[in-house]
Amino acid sequence: MRYETLKIVRKLENGRADYLDVKRLGELADEGDLYASLEYGICLYLGEQVLEDKDRSYIYFEKASKSDDFNILVELVSFMNYFEDSRFNELIDVVMKKIRKKMEDKGKELGIDINNLRLN
């Protein structure tokens, strides 16, 4: 995750990002920054400082789903679940499996069986 990406995301969160910021976010995503892929996909989906393009956003969400970063994966699946868009169903399943595997691995590292935890 690049500092430049974080800087642009902070601007988005504060409502100070402009078209050029989002354009740069897209460039960072195209260069392989998976956090930028997630955030650019969100911008495309919502039409934030860019023309809304839900189909194209899915391409960036797929890229972000390749991440091994737990936070990126959780933010991705949270976003997709919130909008309940049926085209996300398969990708949600893939990402949830990755999240669960990461949780199981961390649980083993800590000596905890996550299957015995109540997560609700």
PDB file of N, CA and C in Angstrom:
ATOM      1  N   MET A   1       0.854  -1.170   0.000  1.00  0.00           N
ATOM      2  CA  MET A   1       0.000   0.000   0.000  1.00  0.00           C
ATOM      3  C   MET A   1       0.901   1.233   0.000  1.00  0.00           C
ATOM      4  N   ARG A   2       0.653   2.087  -0.909  1.00  0.00           N
ATOM      5  CA  ARG A   2       1.492   3.275  -1.063  1.00  0.00           C
ATOM      6  C   ARG A   2       0.987   4.445  -0.228  1.00  0.00           C
ATOM      7  N   TYR A   3       1.929   5.255   0.197  1.00  0.00           N
ATOM      8  CA  TYR A   3       1.585   6.466   0.940  1.00  0.00           C
ATOM      9  C   TYR A   3       0.679   7.355   0.092  1.00  0.00           C
ATOM     10  N   GLU A   4       0.969   7.430  -1.193  1.00  0.00           N
ATOM     11  CA  GLU A   4       0.176   8.274  -2.087  1.00  0.00           C
ATOM     12  C   GLU A   4      -1.291   7.824  -2.100  1.00  0.00           C
ATOM     13  N   THR A   5      -1.508   6.531  -2.091  1.00  0.00           N
ATOM     14  CA  THR A   5      -2.874   5.999  -2.060  1.00  0.00           C
ATOM     15  C   THR A   5      -3.572   6.417  -0.766  1.00  0.00           C
ATOM     16  N   LEU A   6      -2.881   6.257   0.341  1.00  0.00           N
ATOM     17  CA  LEU A   6      -3.466   6.638   1.632  1.00  0.00           C
ATOM     18  C   LEU A   6      -3.822   8.124   1.668  1.00  0.00           C
ATOM     19  N   LYS A   7      -2.962   8.933   1.104  1.00  0.00           N
ATOM     20  CA  LYS A   7      -3.196  10.380   1.073  1.00  0.00           C
ATOM     21  C   LYS A   7      -4.472  10.703   0.279  1.00  0.00           C
ATOM     22  N   ILE A   8      -4.644  10.051  -0.854  1.00  0.00           N
ATOM     23  CA  ILE A   8      -5.837  10.287  -1.677  1.00  0.00           C
ATOM     24  C   ILE A   8      -7.089   9.773  -0.960  1.00  0.00           C
ATOM     25  N   VAL A   9      -6.985   8.609  -0.327  1.00  0.00           N
ATOM     26  CA  VAL A   9      -8.138   8.054   0.394  1.00  0.00           C
ATOM     27  C   VAL A   9      -8.551   8.986   1.529  1.00  0.00           C
ATOM     28  N   ARG A  10      -7.587   9.542   2.231  1.00  0.00           N
ATOM     29  CA  ARG A  10      -7.927  10.509   3.297  1.00  0.00           C
ATOM     30  C   ARG A  10      -8.675  11.706   2.720  1.00  0.00           C
ATOM     31  N   LYS A  11      -8.231  12.182   1.547  1.00  0.00           N
ATOM     32  CA  LYS A  11      -8.921  13.298   0.902  1.00  0.00           C
ATOM     33  C   LYS A  11     -10.349  12.904   0.523  1.00  0.00           C
ATOM     34  N   LEU A  12     -10.527  11.677   0.050  1.00  0.00           N
ATOM     35  CA  LEU A  12     -11.874  11.198  -0.274  1.00  0.00           C
ATOM     36  C   LEU A  12     -12.742  11.174   0.974  1.00  0.00           C
ATOM     37  N   GLU A  13     -12.201  10.671   2.063  1.00  0.00           N
ATOM     38  CA  GLU A  13     -12.950  10.580   3.317  1.00  0.00           C
ATOM     39  C   GLU A  13     -13.333  11.951   3.849  1.00  0.00           C
ATOM     40  N   ASN A  14     -12.496  12.944   3.595  1.00  0.00           N
ATOM     41  CA  ASN A  14     -12.757  14.302   4.080  1.00  0.00           C
ATOM     42  C   ASN A  14     -13.524  15.157   3.077  1.00  0.00           C
ATOM     43  N   GLY A  15     -13.884  14.563   1.939  1.00  0.00           N
ATOM     44  CA  GLY A  15     -14.630  15.299   0.924  1.00  0.00           C
ATOM     45  C   GLY A  15     -13.798  16.327   0.190  1.00  0.00           C
ATOM     46  N   ARG A  16     -12.474  16.161   0.196  1.00  0.00           N
ATOM     47  CA  ARG A  16     -11.593  17.136  -0.455  1.00  0.00           C
ATOM     48  C   ARG A  16     -10.957  16.607  -1.740  1.00  0.00           C
ATOM     49  N   ALA A  17     -11.261  15.369  -2.107  1.00  0.00           N
ATOM     50  CA  ALA A  17     -10.668  14.799  -3.320  1.00  0.00           C
ATOM     51  C   ALA A  17     -11.362  15.376  -4.552  1.00  0.00           C
ATOM     52  N   ASP A  18     -10.584  15.579  -5.602  1.00  0.00           N
ATOM     53  CA  ASP A  18     -11.153  16.056  -6.853  1.00  0.00           C
ATOM     54  C   ASP A  18     -10.934  15.013  -7.950  1.00  0.00           C
ATOM     55  N   TYR A  19     -11.343  15.373  -9.135  1.00  0.00           N
ATOM     56  CA  TYR A  19     -11.245  14.461 -10.278  1.00  0.00           C
ATOM     57  C   TYR A  19      -9.817  13.964 -10.480  1.00  0.00           C
ATOM     58  N   LEU A  20      -8.839  14.852 -10.357  1.00  0.00           N
ATOM     59  CA  LEU A  20      -7.442  14.458 -10.576  1.00  0.00           C
ATOM     60  C   LEU A  20      -6.961  13.458  -9.526  1.00  0.00           C
ATOM     61  N   ASP A  21      -7.432  13.617  -8.295  1.00  0.00           N
ATOM     62  CA  ASP A  21      -7.082  12.652  -7.244  1.00  0.00           C
ATOM     63  C   ASP A  21      -7.620  11.263  -7.590  1.00  0.00           C
ATOM     64  N   VAL A  22      -8.867  11.215  -8.006  1.00  0.00           N
ATOM     65  CA  VAL A  22      -9.482   9.927  -8.323  1.00  0.00           C
ATOM     66  C   VAL A  22      -8.842   9.336  -9.578  1.00  0.00           C
ATOM     67  N   LYS A  23      -8.504  10.188 -10.527  1.00  0.00           N
ATOM     68  CA  LYS A  23      -7.800   9.711 -11.728  1.00  0.00           C
ATOM     69  C   LYS A  23      -6.473   9.070 -11.333  1.00  0.00           C
ATOM     70  N   ARG A  24      -5.746   9.716 -10.433  1.00  0.00           N
ATOM     71  CA  ARG A  24      -4.471   9.168  -9.969  1.00  0.00           C
ATOM     72  C   ARG A  24      -4.685   7.864  -9.211  1.00  0.00           C
ATOM     73  N   LEU A  25      -5.735   7.786  -8.446  1.00  0.00           N
ATOM     74  CA  LEU A  25      -6.070   6.549  -7.740  1.00  0.00           C
ATOM     75  C   LEU A  25      -6.255   5.405  -8.747  1.00  0.00           C
ATOM     76  N   GLY A  26      -6.917   5.699  -9.852  1.00  0.00           N
ATOM     77  CA  GLY A  26      -7.094   4.709 -10.909  1.00  0.00           C
ATOM     78  C   GLY A  26      -5.765   4.293 -11.518  1.00  0.00           C
ATOM     79  N   GLU A  27      -4.864   5.251 -11.684  1.00  0.00           N
ATOM     80  CA  GLU A  27      -3.535   4.938 -12.224  1.00  0.00           C
ATOM     81  C   GLU A  27      -2.768   4.036 -11.260  1.00  0.00           C
ATOM     82  N   LEU A  28      -2.842   4.347  -9.976  1.00  0.00           N
ATOM     83  CA  LEU A  28      -2.181   3.510  -8.971  1.00  0.00           C
ATOM     84  C   LEU A  28      -2.765   2.096  -8.970  1.00  0.00           C
ATOM     85  N   ALA A  29      -4.071   2.017  -9.132  1.00  0.00           N
ATOM     86  CA  ALA A  29      -4.724   0.704  -9.207  1.00  0.00           C
ATOM     87  C   ALA A  29      -4.219  -0.066 -10.426  1.00  0.00           C
ATOM     88  N   ASP A  30      -4.113   0.622 -11.544  1.00  0.00           N
ATOM     89  CA  ASP A  30      -3.639  -0.029 -12.772  1.00  0.00           C
ATOM     90  C   ASP A  30      -2.174  -0.437 -12.675  1.00  0.00           C
ATOM     91  N   GLU A  31      -1.438   0.223 -11.772  1.00  0.00           N
ATOM     92  CA  GLU A  31      -0.032  -0.131 -11.548  1.00  0.00           C
ATOM     93  C   GLU A  31       0.115  -1.292 -10.567  1.00  0.00           C
ATOM     94  N   GLY A  32      -1.003  -1.766 -10.015  1.00  0.00           N
ATOM     95  CA  GLY A  32      -0.958  -2.941  -9.147  1.00  0.00           C
ATOM     96  C   GLY A  32      -1.183  -2.687  -7.672  1.00  0.00           C
ATOM     97  N   ASP A  33      -1.473  -1.465  -7.271  1.00  0.00           N
ATOM     98  CA  ASP A  33      -1.758  -1.171  -5.868  1.00  0.00           C
ATOM     99  C   ASP A  33      -3.166  -1.682  -5.553  1.00  0.00           C
ATOM    100  N   LEU A  34      -3.246  -2.737  -4.755  1.00  0.00           N
ATOM    101  CA  LEU A  34      -4.536  -3.389  -4.507  1.00  0.00           C
ATOM    102  C   LEU A  34      -5.464  -2.560  -3.628  1.00  0.00           C
ATOM    103  N   TYR A  35      -4.913  -1.747  -2.735  1.00  0.00           N
ATOM    104  CA  TYR A  35      -5.764  -0.859  -1.944  1.00  0.00           C
ATOM    105  C   TYR A  35      -6.346   0.223  -2.848  1.00  0.00           C
ATOM    106  N   ALA A  36      -5.538   0.720  -3.767  1.00  0.00           N
ATOM    107  CA  ALA A  36      -6.039   1.694  -4.740  1.00  0.00           C
ATOM    108  C   ALA A  36      -7.123   1.065  -5.604  1.00  0.00           C
ATOM    109  N   SER A  37      -6.965  -0.222  -5.939  1.00  0.00           N
ATOM    110  CA  SER A  37      -7.989  -0.924  -6.729  1.00  0.00           C
ATOM    111  C   SER A  37      -9.322  -0.935  -5.996  1.00  0.00           C
ATOM    112  N   LEU A  38      -9.278  -1.240  -4.708  1.00  0.00           N
ATOM    113  CA  LEU A  38     -10.493  -1.240  -3.901  1.00  0.00           C
ATOM    114  C   LEU A  38     -11.136   0.141  -3.898  1.00  0.00           C
ATOM    115  N   GLU A  39     -10.357   1.148  -3.578  1.00  0.00           N
ATOM    116  CA  GLU A  39     -10.898   2.498  -3.439  1.00  0.00           C
ATOM    117  C   GLU A  39     -11.353   3.078  -4.777  1.00  0.00           C
ATOM    118  N   TYR A  40     -10.624   2.782  -5.835  1.00  0.00           N
ATOM    119  CA  TYR A  40     -11.039   3.254  -7.156  1.00  0.00           C
ATOM    120  C   TYR A  40     -12.324   2.548  -7.581  1.00  0.00           C
ATOM    121  N   GLY A  41     -12.425   1.263  -7.285  1.00  0.00           N
ATOM    122  CA  GLY A  41     -13.654   0.534  -7.571  1.00  0.00           C
ATOM    123  C   GLY A  41     -14.845   1.154  -6.861  1.00  0.00           C
ATOM    124  N   ILE A  42     -14.635   1.556  -5.620  1.00  0.00           N
ATOM    125  CA  ILE A  42     -15.708   2.217  -4.863  1.00  0.00           C
ATOM    126  C   ILE A  42     -16.093   3.536  -5.533  1.00  0.00           C
ATOM    127  N   CYS A  43     -15.093   4.306  -5.946  1.00  0.00           N
ATOM    128  CA  CYS A  43     -15.376   5.577  -6.635  1.00  0.00           C
ATOM    129  C   CYS A  43     -16.182   5.329  -7.911  1.00  0.00           C
ATOM    130  N   LEU A  44     -15.793   4.316  -8.680  1.00  0.00           N
ATOM    131  CA  LEU A  44     -16.527   3.993  -9.903  1.00  0.00           C
ATOM    132  C   LEU A  44     -17.955   3.556  -9.585  1.00  0.00           C
ATOM    133  N   TYR A  45     -18.107   2.739  -8.580  1.00  0.00           N
ATOM    134  CA  TYR A  45     -19.433   2.223  -8.227  1.00  0.00           C
ATOM    135  C   TYR A  45     -20.358   3.358  -7.796  1.00  0.00           C
ATOM    136  N   LEU A  46     -19.826   4.283  -7.017  1.00  0.00           N
ATOM    137  CA  LEU A  46     -20.640   5.373  -6.468  1.00  0.00           C
ATOM    138  C   LEU A  46     -20.693   6.611  -7.361  1.00  0.00           C
ATOM    139  N   GLY A  47     -19.802   6.652  -8.349  1.00  0.00           N
ATOM    140  CA  GLY A  47     -19.722   7.848  -9.192  1.00  0.00           C
ATOM    141  C   GLY A  47     -19.106   9.017  -8.455  1.00  0.00           C
ATOM    142  N   GLU A  48     -18.128   8.727  -7.629  1.00  0.00           N
ATOM    143  CA  GLU A  48     -17.479   9.764  -6.838  1.00  0.00           C
ATOM    144  C   GLU A  48     -16.304  10.359  -7.604  1.00  0.00           C
ATOM    145  N   GLN A  49     -16.463  11.589  -8.090  1.00  0.00           N
ATOM    146  CA  GLN A  49     -15.463  12.322  -8.855  1.00  0.00           C
ATOM    147  C   GLN A  49     -15.070  11.611 -10.158  1.00  0.00           C
ATOM    148  N   VAL A  50     -15.940  10.720 -10.610  1.00  0.00           N
ATOM    149  CA  VAL A  50     -15.738   9.977 -11.853  1.00  0.00           C
ATOM    150  C   VAL A  50     -17.124   9.518 -12.295  1.00  0.00           C
ATOM    151  N   LEU A  51     -17.286   9.261 -13.573  1.00  0.00           N
ATOM    152  CA  LEU A  51     -18.580   8.771 -14.033  1.00  0.00           C
ATOM    153  C   LEU A  51     -18.874   7.414 -13.410  1.00  0.00           C
ATOM    154  N   GLU A  52     -20.081   7.255 -12.922  1.00  0.00           N
ATOM    155  CA  GLU A  52     -20.487   5.980 -12.332  1.00  0.00           C
ATOM    156  C   GLU A  52     -20.394   4.878 -13.386  1.00  0.00           C
ATOM    157  N   ASP A  53     -19.749   3.790 -13.011  1.00  0.00           N
ATOM    158  CA  ASP A  53     -19.599   2.654 -13.920  1.00  0.00           C
ATOM    159  C   ASP A  53     -19.515   1.385 -13.078  1.00  0.00           C
ATOM    160  N   LYS A  54     -20.671   0.850 -12.734  1.00  0.00           N
ATOM    161  CA  LYS A  54     -20.734  -0.314 -11.846  1.00  0.00           C
ATOM    162  C   LYS A  54     -20.057  -1.543 -12.457  1.00  0.00           C
ATOM    163  N   ASP A  55     -20.194  -1.723 -13.766  1.00  0.00           N
ATOM    164  CA  ASP A  55     -19.552  -2.873 -14.406  1.00  0.00           C
ATOM    165  C   ASP A  55     -18.024  -2.770 -14.324  1.00  0.00           C
ATOM    166  N   ARG A  56     -17.513  -1.597 -14.583  1.00  0.00           N
ATOM    167  CA  ARG A  56     -16.053  -1.396 -14.516  1.00  0.00           C
ATOM    168  C   ARG A  56     -15.553  -1.491 -13.084  1.00  0.00           C
ATOM    169  N   SER A  57     -16.367  -1.066 -12.124  1.00  0.00           N
ATOM    170  CA  SER A  57     -15.960  -1.139 -10.718  1.00  0.00           C
ATOM    171  C   SER A  57     -15.678  -2.584 -10.330  1.00  0.00           C
ATOM    172  N   TYR A  58     -16.456  -3.504 -10.875  1.00  0.00           N
ATOM    173  CA  TYR A  58     -16.285  -4.920 -10.549  1.00  0.00           C
ATOM    174  C   TYR A  58     -14.882  -5.410 -10.911  1.00  0.00           C
ATOM    175  N   ILE A  59     -14.341  -4.913 -12.009  1.00  0.00           N
ATOM    176  CA  ILE A  59     -12.983  -5.288 -12.430  1.00  0.00           C
ATOM    177  C   ILE A  59     -11.982  -4.915 -11.348  1.00  0.00           C
ATOM    178  N   TYR A  60     -12.147  -3.742 -10.762  1.00  0.00           N
ATOM    179  CA  TYR A  60     -11.225  -3.283  -9.716  1.00  0.00           C
ATOM    180  C   TYR A  60     -11.468  -4.032  -8.402  1.00  0.00           C
ATOM    181  N   PHE A  61     -12.707  -4.394  -8.133  1.00  0.00           N
ATOM    182  CA  PHE A  61     -12.981  -5.201  -6.947  1.00  0.00           C
ATOM    183  C   PHE A  61     -12.346  -6.587  -7.083  1.00  0.00           C
ATOM    184  N   GLU A  62     -12.376  -7.142  -8.286  1.00  0.00           N
ATOM    185  CA  GLU A  62     -11.715  -8.427  -8.515  1.00  0.00           C
ATOM    186  C   GLU A  62     -10.213  -8.312  -8.257  1.00  0.00           C
ATOM    187  N   LYS A  63      -9.608  -7.219  -8.728  1.00  0.00           N
ATOM    188  CA  LYS A  63      -8.179  -6.998  -8.468  1.00  0.00           C
ATOM    189  C   LYS A  63      -7.914  -6.928  -6.968  1.00  0.00           C
ATOM    190  N   ALA A  64      -8.734  -6.168  -6.254  1.00  0.00           N
ATOM    191  CA  ALA A  64      -8.558  -6.002  -4.808  1.00  0.00           C
ATOM    192  C   ALA A  64      -8.717  -7.336  -4.081  1.00  0.00           C
ATOM    193  N   SER A  65      -9.540  -8.214  -4.609  1.00  0.00           N
ATOM    194  CA  SER A  65      -9.769  -9.508  -3.960  1.00  0.00           C
ATOM    195  C   SER A  65      -8.529 -10.391  -3.987  1.00  0.00           C
ATOM    196  N   LYS A  66      -7.549 -10.039  -4.774  1.00  0.00           N
ATOM    197  CA  LYS A  66      -6.287 -10.792  -4.845  1.00  0.00           C
ATOM    198  C   LYS A  66      -5.360 -10.450  -3.681  1.00  0.00           C
ATOM    199  N   SER A  67      -5.717  -9.442  -2.920  1.00  0.00           N
ATOM    200  CA  SER A  67      -4.883  -8.978  -1.812  1.00  0.00           C
ATOM    201  C   SER A  67      -4.777 -10.029  -0.709  1.00  0.00           C
ATOM    202  N   ASP A  68      -3.660  -9.984   0.003  1.00  0.00           N
ATOM    203  CA  ASP A  68      -3.493 -10.801   1.200  1.00  0.00           C
ATOM    204  C   ASP A  68      -3.665  -9.956   2.461  1.00  0.00           C
ATOM    205  N   ASP A  69      -3.978  -8.688   2.277  1.00  0.00           N
ATOM    206  CA  ASP A  69      -4.157  -7.770   3.391  1.00  0.00           C
ATOM    207  C   ASP A  69      -5.562  -7.945   3.974  1.00  0.00           C
ATOM    208  N   PHE A  70      -5.629  -8.375   5.217  1.00  0.00           N
ATOM    209  CA  PHE A  70      -6.900  -8.641   5.889  1.00  0.00           C
ATOM    210  C   PHE A  70      -7.815  -7.417   5.844  1.00  0.00           C
ATOM    211  N   ASN A  71      -7.273  -6.231   6.089  1.00  0.00           N
ATOM    212  CA  ASN A  71      -8.089  -5.016   6.131  1.00  0.00           C
ATOM    213  C   ASN A  71      -8.715  -4.712   4.768  1.00  0.00           C
ATOM    214  N   ILE A  72      -7.951  -4.895   3.713  1.00  0.00           N
ATOM    215  CA  ILE A  72      -8.486  -4.668   2.368  1.00  0.00           C
ATOM    216  C   ILE A  72      -9.619  -5.645   2.089  1.00  0.00           C
ATOM    217  N   LEU A  73      -9.409  -6.904   2.437  1.00  0.00           N
ATOM    218  CA  LEU A  73     -10.423  -7.924   2.181  1.00  0.00           C
ATOM    219  C   LEU A  73     -11.709  -7.640   2.956  1.00  0.00           C
ATOM    220  N   VAL A  74     -11.573  -7.247   4.216  1.00  0.00           N
ATOM    221  CA  VAL A  74     -12.754  -6.953   5.036  1.00  0.00           C
ATOM    222  C   VAL A  74     -13.489  -5.732   4.498  1.00  0.00           C
ATOM    223  N   GLU A  75     -12.750  -4.684   4.134  1.00  0.00           N
ATOM    224  CA  GLU A  75     -13.404  -3.489   3.588  1.00  0.00           C
ATOM    225  C   GLU A  75     -14.115  -3.820   2.276  1.00  0.00           C
ATOM    226  N   LEU A  76     -13.476  -4.641   1.455  1.00  0.00           N
ATOM    227  CA  LEU A  76     -14.074  -5.032   0.177  1.00  0.00           C
ATOM    228  C   LEU A  76     -15.386  -5.780   0.382  1.00  0.00           C
ATOM    229  N   VAL A  77     -15.369  -6.799   1.212  1.00  0.00           N
ATOM    230  CA  VAL A  77     -16.581  -7.597   1.403  1.00  0.00           C
ATOM    231  C   VAL A  77     -17.653  -6.786   2.141  1.00  0.00           C
ATOM    232  N   SER A  78     -17.251  -5.897   3.022  1.00  0.00           N
ATOM    233  CA  SER A  78     -18.221  -5.038   3.713  1.00  0.00           C
ATOM    234  C   SER A  78     -18.939  -4.131   2.721  1.00  0.00           C
ATOM    235  N   PHE A  79     -18.160  -3.548   1.815  1.00  0.00           N
ATOM    236  CA  PHE A  79     -18.761  -2.679   0.802  1.00  0.00           C
ATOM    237  C   PHE A  79     -19.726  -3.464  -0.072  1.00  0.00           C
ATOM    238  N   MET A  80     -19.279  -4.607  -0.563  1.00  0.00           N
ATOM    239  CA  MET A  80     -20.120  -5.393  -1.464  1.00  0.00           C
ATOM    240  C   MET A  80     -21.377  -5.898  -0.760  1.00  0.00           C
ATOM    241  N   ASN A  81     -21.265  -6.298   0.489  1.00  0.00           N
ATOM    242  CA  ASN A  81     -22.439  -6.751   1.249  1.00  0.00           C
ATOM    243  C   ASN A  81     -23.430  -5.619   1.469  1.00  0.00           C
ATOM    244  N   TYR A  82     -22.930  -4.426   1.717  1.00  0.00           N
ATOM    245  CA  TYR A  82     -23.791  -3.280   1.991  1.00  0.00           C
ATOM    246  C   TYR A  82     -24.729  -2.995   0.816  1.00  0.00           C
ATOM    247  N   PHE A  83     -24.192  -3.108  -0.404  1.00  0.00           N
ATOM    248  CA  PHE A  83     -24.993  -2.754  -1.577  1.00  0.00           C
ATOM    249  C   PHE A  83     -25.813  -3.909  -2.129  1.00  0.00           C
ATOM    250  N   GLU A  84     -25.571  -5.112  -1.641  1.00  0.00           N
ATOM    251  CA  GLU A  84     -26.366  -6.277  -2.023  1.00  0.00           C
ATOM    252  C   GLU A  84     -26.605  -6.364  -3.527  1.00  0.00           C
ATOM    253  N   ASP A  85     -25.575  -6.097  -4.291  1.00  0.00           N
ATOM    254  CA  ASP A  85     -25.622  -6.183  -5.747  1.00  0.00           C
ATOM    255  C   ASP A  85     -25.362  -7.644  -6.128  1.00  0.00           C
ATOM    256  N   SER A  86     -26.283  -8.267  -6.824  1.00  0.00           N
ATOM    257  CA  SER A  86     -26.173  -9.705  -7.107  1.00  0.00           C
ATOM    258  C   SER A  86     -24.909 -10.065  -7.881  1.00  0.00           C
ATOM    259  N   ARG A  87     -24.360  -9.135  -8.633  1.00  0.00           N
ATOM    260  CA  ARG A  87     -23.127  -9.469  -9.373  1.00  0.00           C
ATOM    261  C   ARG A  87     -21.937  -9.652  -8.429  1.00  0.00           C
ATOM    262  N   PHE A  88     -22.095  -9.277  -7.155  1.00  0.00           N
ATOM    263  CA  PHE A  88     -21.020  -9.432  -6.176  1.00  0.00           C
ATOM    264  C   PHE A  88     -21.023 -10.798  -5.479  1.00  0.00           C
ATOM    265  N   ASN A  89     -22.106 -11.557  -5.592  1.00  0.00           N
ATOM    266  CA  ASN A  89     -22.269 -12.768  -4.787  1.00  0.00           C
ATOM    267  C   ASN A  89     -21.084 -13.727  -4.866  1.00  0.00           C
ATOM    268  N   GLU A  90     -20.645 -14.050  -6.055  1.00  0.00           N
ATOM    269  CA  GLU A  90     -19.543 -15.003  -6.212  1.00  0.00           C
ATOM    270  C   GLU A  90     -18.247 -14.443  -5.624  1.00  0.00           C
ATOM    271  N   LEU A  91     -17.980 -13.171  -5.883  1.00  0.00           N
ATOM    272  CA  LEU A  91     -16.762 -12.555  -5.361  1.00  0.00           C
ATOM    273  C   LEU A  91     -16.798 -12.466  -3.839  1.00  0.00           C
ATOM    274  N   ILE A  92     -17.961 -12.199  -3.277  1.00  0.00           N
ATOM    275  CA  ILE A  92     -18.107 -12.175  -1.823  1.00  0.00           C
ATOM    276  C   ILE A  92     -17.724 -13.534  -1.249  1.00  0.00           C
ATOM    277  N   ASP A  93     -18.197 -14.595  -1.870  1.00  0.00           N
ATOM    278  CA  ASP A  93     -17.871 -15.945  -1.391  1.00  0.00           C
ATOM    279  C   ASP A  93     -16.370 -16.198  -1.415  1.00  0.00           C
ATOM    280  N   VAL A  94     -15.717 -15.805  -2.494  1.00  0.00           N
ATOM    281  CA  VAL A  94     -14.264 -15.992  -2.624  1.00  0.00           C
ATOM    282  C   VAL A  94     -13.522 -15.227  -1.534  1.00  0.00           C
ATOM    283  N   VAL A  95     -13.910 -13.971  -1.345  1.00  0.00           N
ATOM    284  CA  VAL A  95     -13.232 -13.127  -0.357  1.00  0.00           C
ATOM    285  C   VAL A  95     -13.513 -13.623   1.060  1.00  0.00           C
ATOM    286  N   MET A  96     -14.733 -14.050   1.328  1.00  0.00           N
ATOM    287  CA  MET A  96     -15.056 -14.564   2.662  1.00  0.00           C
ATOM    288  C   MET A  96     -14.229 -15.811   2.993  1.00  0.00           C
ATOM    289  N   LYS A  97     -13.986 -16.652   2.013  1.00  0.00           N
ATOM    290  CA  LYS A  97     -13.139 -17.831   2.233  1.00  0.00           C
ATOM    291  C   LYS A  97     -11.714 -17.414   2.584  1.00  0.00           C
ATOM    292  N   LYS A  98     -11.211 -16.378   1.910  1.00  0.00           N
ATOM    293  CA  LYS A  98      -9.868 -15.884   2.224  1.00  0.00           C
ATOM    294  C   LYS A  98      -9.817 -15.306   3.640  1.00  0.00           C
ATOM    295  N   ILE A  99     -10.845 -14.567   4.005  1.00  0.00           N
ATOM    296  CA  ILE A  99     -10.909 -13.977   5.342  1.00  0.00           C
ATOM    297  C   ILE A  99     -10.959 -15.081   6.393  1.00  0.00           C
ATOM    298  N   ARG A 100     -11.808 -16.055   6.163  1.00  0.00           N
ATOM    299  CA  ARG A 100     -11.927 -17.165   7.122  1.00  0.00           C
ATOM    300  C   ARG A 100     -10.603 -17.901   7.271  1.00  0.00           C
ATOM    301  N   LYS A 101      -9.915 -18.151   6.161  1.00  0.00           N
ATOM    302  CA  LYS A 101      -8.617 -18.834   6.198  1.00  0.00           C
ATOM    303  C   LYS A 101      -7.614 -18.013   6.999  1.00  0.00           C
ATOM    304  N   LYS A 102      -7.599 -16.723   6.792  1.00  0.00           N
ATOM    305  CA  LYS A 102      -6.696 -15.855   7.551  1.00  0.00           C
ATOM    306  C   LYS A 102      -7.025 -15.905   9.040  1.00  0.00           C
ATOM    307  N   MET A 103      -8.312 -15.921   9.360  1.00  0.00           N
ATOM    308  CA  MET A 103      -8.723 -16.002  10.763  1.00  0.00           C
ATOM    309  C   MET A 103      -8.315 -17.344  11.371  1.00  0.00           C
ATOM    310  N   GLU A 104      -8.497 -18.417  10.619  1.00  0.00           N
ATOM    311  CA  GLU A 104      -8.101 -19.739  11.107  1.00  0.00           C
ATOM    312  C   GLU A 104      -6.592 -19.801  11.341  1.00  0.00           C
ATOM    313  N   ASP A 105      -5.826 -19.267  10.396  1.00  0.00           N
ATOM    314  CA  ASP A 105      -4.364 -19.272  10.532  1.00  0.00           C
ATOM    315  C   ASP A 105      -3.920 -18.476  11.756  1.00  0.00           C
ATOM    316  N   LYS A 106      -4.526 -17.320  11.950  1.00  0.00           N
ATOM    317  CA  LYS A 106      -4.183 -16.486  13.106  1.00  0.00           C
ATOM    318  C   LYS A 106      -4.607 -17.180  14.394  1.00  0.00           C
ATOM    319  N   GLY A 107      -5.763 -17.824  14.363  1.00  0.00           N
ATOM    320  CA  GLY A 107      -6.231 -18.567  15.523  1.00  0.00           C
ATOM    321  C   GLY A 107      -5.262 -19.681  15.902  1.00  0.00           C
ATOM    322  N   LYS A 108      -4.795 -20.413  14.912  1.00  0.00           N
ATOM    323  CA  LYS A 108      -3.818 -21.479  15.172  1.00  0.00           C
ATOM    324  C   LYS A 108      -2.551 -20.908  15.785  1.00  0.00           C
ATOM    325  N   GLU A 109      -2.119 -19.778  15.249  1.00  0.00           N
ATOM    326  CA  GLU A 109      -0.918 -19.107  15.762  1.00  0.00           C
ATOM    327  C   GLU A 109      -1.087 -18.740  17.233  1.00  0.00           C
ATOM    328  N   LEU A 110      -2.315 -18.372  17.612  1.00  0.00           N
ATOM    329  CA  LEU A 110      -2.606 -17.971  18.985  1.00  0.00           C
ATOM    330  C   LEU A 110      -3.106 -19.126  19.847  1.00  0.00           C
ATOM    331  N   GLY A 111      -3.285 -20.295  19.228  1.00  0.00           N
ATOM    332  CA  GLY A 111      -3.788 -21.447  19.967  1.00  0.00           C
ATOM    333  C   GLY A 111      -5.281 -21.409  20.200  1.00  0.00           C
ATOM    334  N   ILE A 112      -6.011 -20.779  19.284  1.00  0.00           N
ATOM    335  CA  ILE A 112      -7.458 -20.634  19.411  1.00  0.00           C
ATOM    336  C   ILE A 112      -8.126 -21.319  18.217  1.00  0.00           C
ATOM    337  N   ASP A 113      -9.158 -22.088  18.493  1.00  0.00           N
ATOM    338  CA  ASP A 113      -9.950 -22.690  17.415  1.00  0.00           C
ATOM    339  C   ASP A 113     -11.101 -21.725  17.120  1.00  0.00           C
ATOM    340  N   ILE A 114     -11.017 -21.040  16.000  1.00  0.00           N
ATOM    341  CA  ILE A 114     -12.054 -20.030  15.713  1.00  0.00           C
ATOM    342  C   ILE A 114     -13.420 -20.645  15.484  1.00  0.00           C
ATOM    343  N   ASN A 115     -13.461 -21.940  15.213  1.00  0.00           N
ATOM    344  CA  ASN A 115     -14.759 -22.598  15.030  1.00  0.00           C
ATOM    345  C   ASN A 115     -15.557 -22.648  16.338  1.00  0.00           C
ATOM    346  N   ASN A 116     -14.872 -22.463  17.456  1.00  0.00           N
ATOM    347  CA  ASN A 116     -15.548 -22.462  18.769  1.00  0.00           C
ATOM    348  C   ASN A 116     -15.921 -21.054  19.224  1.00  0.00           C
ATOM    349  N   LEU A 117     -15.592 -20.047  18.422  1.00  0.00           N
ATOM    350  CA  LEU A 117     -15.914 -18.668  18.791  1.00  0.00           C
ATOM    351  C   LEU A 117     -17.301 -18.309  18.292  1.00  0.00           C
ATOM    352  N   ARG A 118     -17.980 -17.507  19.065  1.00  0.00           N
ATOM    353  CA  ARG A 118     -19.256 -16.956  18.620  1.00  0.00           C
ATOM    354  C   ARG A 118     -18.940 -15.623  17.967  1.00  0.00           C
ATOM    355  N   LEU A 119     -19.158 -15.524  16.661  1.00  0.00           N
ATOM    356  CA  LEU A 119     -18.817 -14.322  15.920  1.00  0.00           C
ATOM    357  C   LEU A 119     -19.998 -13.395  15.710  1.00  0.00           C
ATOM    358  N   ASN A 120     -21.136 -13.722  16.234  1.00  0.00           N
ATOM    359  CA  ASN A 120     -22.328 -12.858  16.084  1.00  0.00           C
ATOM    360  C   ASN A 120     -22.596 -12.125  17.357  1.00  0.00           C
TER     361      ASN A 120
END
